[in-house]
Protein backbone atom coordinates (compact mmCIF):
# COMPACT_ATOMS: atom_id res chain seq x y z
CA UNK A 1 0.00 0.00 0.00
CA UNK A 2 2.66 2.47 -0.94
CA UNK A 3 2.35 5.35 -3.33
CA UNK A 4 4.83 3.96 -5.82
CA UNK A 5 5.52 0.32 -4.85
CA UNK A 6 9.17 0.62 -5.95
CA UNK A 7 10.51 -2.57 -7.39
CA UNK A 8 7.14 -4.30 -7.08
CA UNK A 9 7.24 -5.59 -10.64
CA UNK A 10 4.38 -6.44 -13.02
CA UNK A 11 1.26 -8.44 -12.09
CA UNK A 12 1.69 -12.18 -11.77
CA UNK A 13 1.78 -13.84 -15.17
CA UNK A 14 -0.42 -16.79 -14.17
CA UNK A 15 -3.61 -14.72 -14.45
CA UNK A 16 -4.36 -14.72 -10.77
CA UNK A 17 -3.24 -11.11 -10.32
CA UNK A 18 -6.52 -9.61 -11.55
CA UNK A 19 -8.53 -11.81 -9.19
CA UNK A 20 -6.39 -10.86 -6.28
CA UNK A 21 -6.73 -7.18 -7.07
CA UNK A 22 -10.45 -7.47 -6.32
CA UNK A 23 -9.70 -8.09 -2.61
CA UNK A 24 -9.79 -5.60 0.23
CA UNK A 25 -6.02 -5.07 0.10
CA UNK A 26 -6.31 -4.00 -3.53
CA UNK A 27 -9.20 -1.67 -2.68
CA UNK A 28 -7.09 0.00 -0.03
CA UNK A 29 -4.17 0.22 -2.43
CA UNK A 30 -6.31 2.00 -5.04
CA UNK A 31 -7.38 4.54 -2.40
CA UNK A 32 -3.82 5.12 -1.16
CA UNK A 33 -3.73 8.76 -2.30
CA UNK A 34 -6.20 9.91 0.35
CA UNK A 35 -6.50 6.96 2.72
CA UNK A 36 -4.12 8.57 5.24
CA UNK A 37 -6.88 11.06 6.11
CA UNK A 38 -9.05 8.32 7.63
CA UNK A 39 -6.79 7.57 10.65
CA UNK A 40 -5.60 11.19 10.84
CA UNK A 41 -9.02 12.51 11.88
CA UNK A 42 -9.50 10.28 14.96
CA UNK A 43 -5.82 10.72 15.87
CA UNK A 44 -6.20 14.51 15.93
CA UNK A 45 -9.58 14.50 17.70
CA UNK A 46 -8.47 12.06 20.39
CA UNK A 47 -5.16 13.89 20.91
CA UNK A 48 -7.00 17.21 21.41
CA UNK A 49 -9.45 15.56 23.77
CA UNK A 50 -6.67 14.07 25.91
CA UNK A 51 -4.25 17.00 25.79
CA UNK A 52 -6.65 19.96 25.93
CA UNK A 53 -10.13 19.00 27.09
CA UNK A 54 -9.54 16.37 29.77
CA UNK A 55 -7.52 17.20 32.88
CA UNK A 56 -3.99 15.75 33.03
CA UNK A 57 -3.91 12.36 34.71
CA UNK A 58 -0.80 10.39 35.62
CA UNK A 59 -2.61 7.15 36.50
CA UNK A 60 -4.39 4.65 34.28
CA UNK A 61 -7.27 3.06 36.17
CA UNK A 62 -8.24 0.19 33.85
CA UNK A 63 -7.61 -1.41 30.46
CA UNK A 64 -10.25 0.75 28.77
CA UNK A 65 -8.45 3.92 29.82
CA UNK A 66 -5.13 2.38 28.74
CA UNK A 67 -6.55 1.71 25.26
CA UNK A 68 -8.14 5.16 25.10
CA UNK A 69 -4.94 7.00 26.00
CA UNK A 70 -2.91 4.91 23.54
CA UNK A 71 -5.41 5.17 20.65
CA UNK A 72 -4.27 8.52 19.17
CA UNK A 73 -0.71 7.18 19.03
CA UNK A 74 -1.87 4.06 17.19
CA UNK A 75 -4.05 6.02 14.74
CA UNK A 76 -1.18 8.43 14.07
CA UNK A 77 1.20 5.55 13.28
CA UNK A 78 -1.26 4.25 10.67
CA UNK A 79 -1.68 7.76 9.24
CA UNK A 80 2.07 8.25 8.84
CA UNK A 81 2.44 4.81 7.24
CA UNK A 82 -0.18 5.73 4.63
CA UNK A 83 1.19 9.17 3.76
CA UNK A 84 2.03 9.72 0.08
CA UNK A 85 5.71 10.26 -0.67
CA UNK A 86 5.50 13.99 -1.33
CA UNK A 87 8.28 15.85 -3.10
CA UNK A 88 8.05 18.50 -0.39
CA UNK A 89 9.19 15.98 2.22
CA UNK A 90 12.31 17.95 3.32
CA UNK A 91 10.19 21.04 3.90
CA UNK A 92 7.63 19.07 5.93
CA UNK A 93 10.33 17.58 8.13
CA UNK A 94 11.86 21.03 8.62
CA UNK A 95 8.44 22.36 9.68
CA UNK A 96 8.25 19.58 12.27
CA UNK A 97 11.62 20.63 13.70
CA UNK A 98 10.50 24.28 13.73
CA UNK A 99 7.29 23.25 15.52
CA UNK A 100 9.30 21.33 18.08
CA UNK A 101 11.62 24.23 18.83
CA UNK A 102 8.91 26.90 18.65
CA UNK A 103 6.32 25.18 20.84
CA UNK A 104 7.10 21.73 22.25
CA UNK A 105 10.51 22.53 23.71
CA UNK A 106 9.28 25.84 25.18
CA UNK A 107 6.06 24.35 26.56
CA UNK A 108 7.97 21.60 28.36
CA UNK A 109 10.27 24.14 30.04
CA UNK A 110 7.26 26.25 31.08
CA UNK A 111 5.52 23.22 32.58
CA UNK A 112 8.63 22.31 34.54
CA UNK A 113 8.85 25.90 35.83
CA UNK A 114 5.20 25.80 36.87
CA UNK A 115 5.81 22.51 38.68
CA UNK A 116 8.73 24.12 40.54
CA UNK A 117 6.38 26.86 41.76
CA UNK A 118 3.55 24.50 42.77
CA UNK A 119 5.37 21.29 43.73
CA UNK A 120 3.68 21.22 47.14
CA UNK A 121 0.20 21.08 45.58
CA UNK A 122 -1.62 17.87 44.69
CA UNK A 123 -1.62 17.13 40.98
CA UNK A 124 1.14 19.60 40.18
CA UNK A 125 3.28 17.00 38.40
CA UNK A 126 0.52 15.68 36.12
CA UNK A 127 0.91 18.43 33.43
CA UNK A 128 4.64 17.68 33.21
CA UNK A 129 4.05 13.94 32.96
CA UNK A 130 1.33 14.40 30.35
CA UNK A 131 3.54 16.53 28.15
CA UNK A 132 6.50 14.18 28.54
CA UNK A 133 4.34 11.41 27.06
CA UNK A 134 3.34 13.77 24.25
CA UNK A 135 7.02 14.43 23.47
CA UNK A 136 7.74 10.69 23.38
CA UNK A 137 4.90 10.21 20.90
CA UNK A 138 6.08 13.14 18.79
CA UNK A 139 9.64 11.77 18.58
CA UNK A 140 8.45 8.32 17.48
CA UNK A 141 6.08 9.78 14.89
CA UNK A 142 8.77 12.14 13.55
CA UNK A 143 11.11 9.18 13.17
CA UNK A 144 8.41 7.26 11.28
CA UNK A 145 7.61 10.30 9.14
CA UNK A 146 11.24 10.63 8.07
CA UNK A 147 11.35 6.90 7.33
CA UNK A 148 8.19 7.07 5.23
CA UNK A 149 9.05 10.22 3.31
CA UNK A 150 12.54 8.85 2.73
CA UNK A 151 11.03 6.09 0.60
CA UNK A 152 9.98 3.30 2.98
CA UNK A 153 6.88 1.38 1.96
CA UNK A 154 3.73 1.41 4.07
CA UNK A 155 4.19 -2.15 5.34
CA UNK A 156 7.65 -1.40 6.75
CA UNK A 157 6.60 1.90 8.35
CA UNK A 158 3.59 0.21 9.93
CA UNK A 159 5.75 -2.61 11.31
CA UNK A 160 8.25 -0.14 12.74
CA UNK A 161 5.47 1.94 14.30
CA UNK A 162 3.78 -1.02 15.97
CA UNK A 163 7.14 -2.24 17.27
CA UNK A 164 7.91 1.25 18.61
CA UNK A 165 4.55 1.37 20.44
CA UNK A 166 5.33 -1.97 22.05
CA UNK A 167 8.66 -0.65 23.31
CA UNK A 168 7.08 2.60 24.57
CA UNK A 169 4.51 0.70 26.67
CA UNK A 170 6.97 -2.00 27.75
CA UNK A 171 7.97 -0.26 30.97
CA UNK A 172 11.61 0.05 29.92
CA UNK A 173 11.78 3.64 31.14
CA UNK A 174 10.15 2.66 34.45
CA UNK A 175 12.89 0.12 35.03
CA UNK A 176 15.68 2.53 34.11
CA UNK A 177 14.09 5.12 36.42
CA UNK A 178 14.09 2.52 39.22
CA UNK A 179 17.71 1.56 38.50
CA UNK A 180 19.18 5.05 38.04
CA UNK A 181 17.22 7.14 40.54
CA UNK A 182 19.03 7.66 43.84
CA UNK A 183 16.34 9.74 45.55
CA UNK A 184 13.53 7.77 47.20
CA UNK A 185 11.15 8.88 49.95
CA UNK A 186 11.70 5.59 51.78
CA UNK A 187 15.48 6.00 51.59
CA UNK A 188 16.09 2.96 49.39
CA UNK A 189 14.94 1.51 46.10
CA UNK A 190 11.46 -0.03 46.35
CA UNK A 191 10.82 -3.68 45.58
CA UNK A 192 7.75 -2.76 43.50
CA UNK A 193 6.88 -0.19 40.83
CA UNK A 194 3.61 1.38 42.11
CA UNK A 195 3.82 4.30 39.67
CA UNK A 196 3.78 2.11 36.51
CA UNK A 197 0.00 2.12 36.07
CA UNK A 198 0.27 0.97 32.44
CA UNK A 199 1.69 -2.28 33.84
CA UNK A 200 -0.61 -2.38 36.87
CA UNK A 201 -3.74 -2.59 34.69
CA UNK A 202 -2.37 -5.92 33.39
CA UNK A 203 -0.57 -7.46 36.37
CA UNK A 204 -1.43 -5.49 39.49
CA UNK A 205 1.37 -3.59 41.23
CA UNK A 206 4.44 -5.24 39.68
CA UNK A 207 7.54 -6.34 41.49
CA UNK A 208 10.82 -5.47 39.79
CA UNK A 209 11.04 -9.04 38.47
CA UNK A 210 7.50 -8.84 37.05
CA UNK A 211 8.30 -5.53 35.39
CA UNK A 212 11.42 -7.04 33.81
CA UNK A 213 9.42 -9.97 32.42
CA UNK A 214 6.75 -7.55 31.15
CA UNK A 215 9.41 -5.45 29.42
CA UNK A 216 11.21 -8.42 27.88
CA UNK A 217 7.95 -9.84 26.50
CA UNK A 218 7.14 -6.53 24.82
CA UNK A 219 10.62 -6.18 23.33
CA UNK A 220 10.43 -9.75 22.00
CA UNK A 221 7.00 -9.01 20.50
CA UNK A 222 8.47 -5.88 18.90
CA UNK A 223 11.24 -7.97 17.34
CA UNK A 224 8.67 -10.47 16.05
CA UNK A 225 6.65 -7.68 14.47
CA UNK A 226 9.74 -6.29 12.75
CA UNK A 227 10.54 -9.76 11.38
CA UNK A 228 7.07 -10.34 9.89
CA UNK A 229 7.13 -10.37 6.04
CA UNK A 230 4.20 -7.96 5.78
CA UNK A 231 5.48 -6.48 2.53
CA UNK A 232 5.56 -9.93 0.95
CA UNK A 233 2.00 -10.59 2.12
CA UNK A 234 0.83 -7.31 0.57
CA UNK A 235 2.61 -8.10 -2.72
CA UNK A 236 0.94 -11.50 -2.79
CA UNK A 237 -2.48 -9.96 -2.12
CA UNK A 238 -1.93 -7.44 -4.92
CA UNK A 239 -0.73 -10.15 -7.30
CA UNK A 240 2.62 -8.51 -7.98
CA UNK A 241 6.12 -9.92 -8.00
CA UNK A 242 8.02 -9.46 -4.72
CA UNK A 243 10.15 -6.33 -4.48
CA UNK A 244 13.81 -6.93 -5.38
CA UNK A 245 16.40 -6.00 -2.76
């Protein structure tokens, strides 16, 4: 489902290509010029709802909230994977960097300053935490955007995006925070990770060992996703010869 399918080759010579092109994959491929708009709309609406309308919240209470908070990220990954390979790609990437420096970087500093002024108030850290998650999402999406506009096909961008989401939610940063942080209210490192609510909704409050297993499973799943021959499956569904490397 790329805009150009570089190296895809002609339809299969056995006559089955035309039949295969009547499938849903072929229908999506024919609509590839505008299909990116479909996931972009819910991604933007959900992101605005979470970032602007709803109050910042550091804790996930259940699986439904976990899925809701993650949904704009997932929709945005699909949108980036479906983007046409515009000739204005360098300009678009430069605009993203300008947007980061003009707003995201400044907003994060301002939120940290506000937290410094109100650190003794309940809920004062939530705006910082919320925006830190937004920055993480932005960095992953910018990486995927550069990959896509640099010529990567949709299947590969989608695989990379799904794998990146798995790593983001794996709890890797919670474990590094536990390992590297030397300042604890109890005076020593805890044996559990009570702040990792994205793990808690699956396992309950995780011990360090549970968090490590949770992280490793997600990283392994990410590696499996990367290894999947999705591009070959798409070529087969479209009835075209596999892309030459």
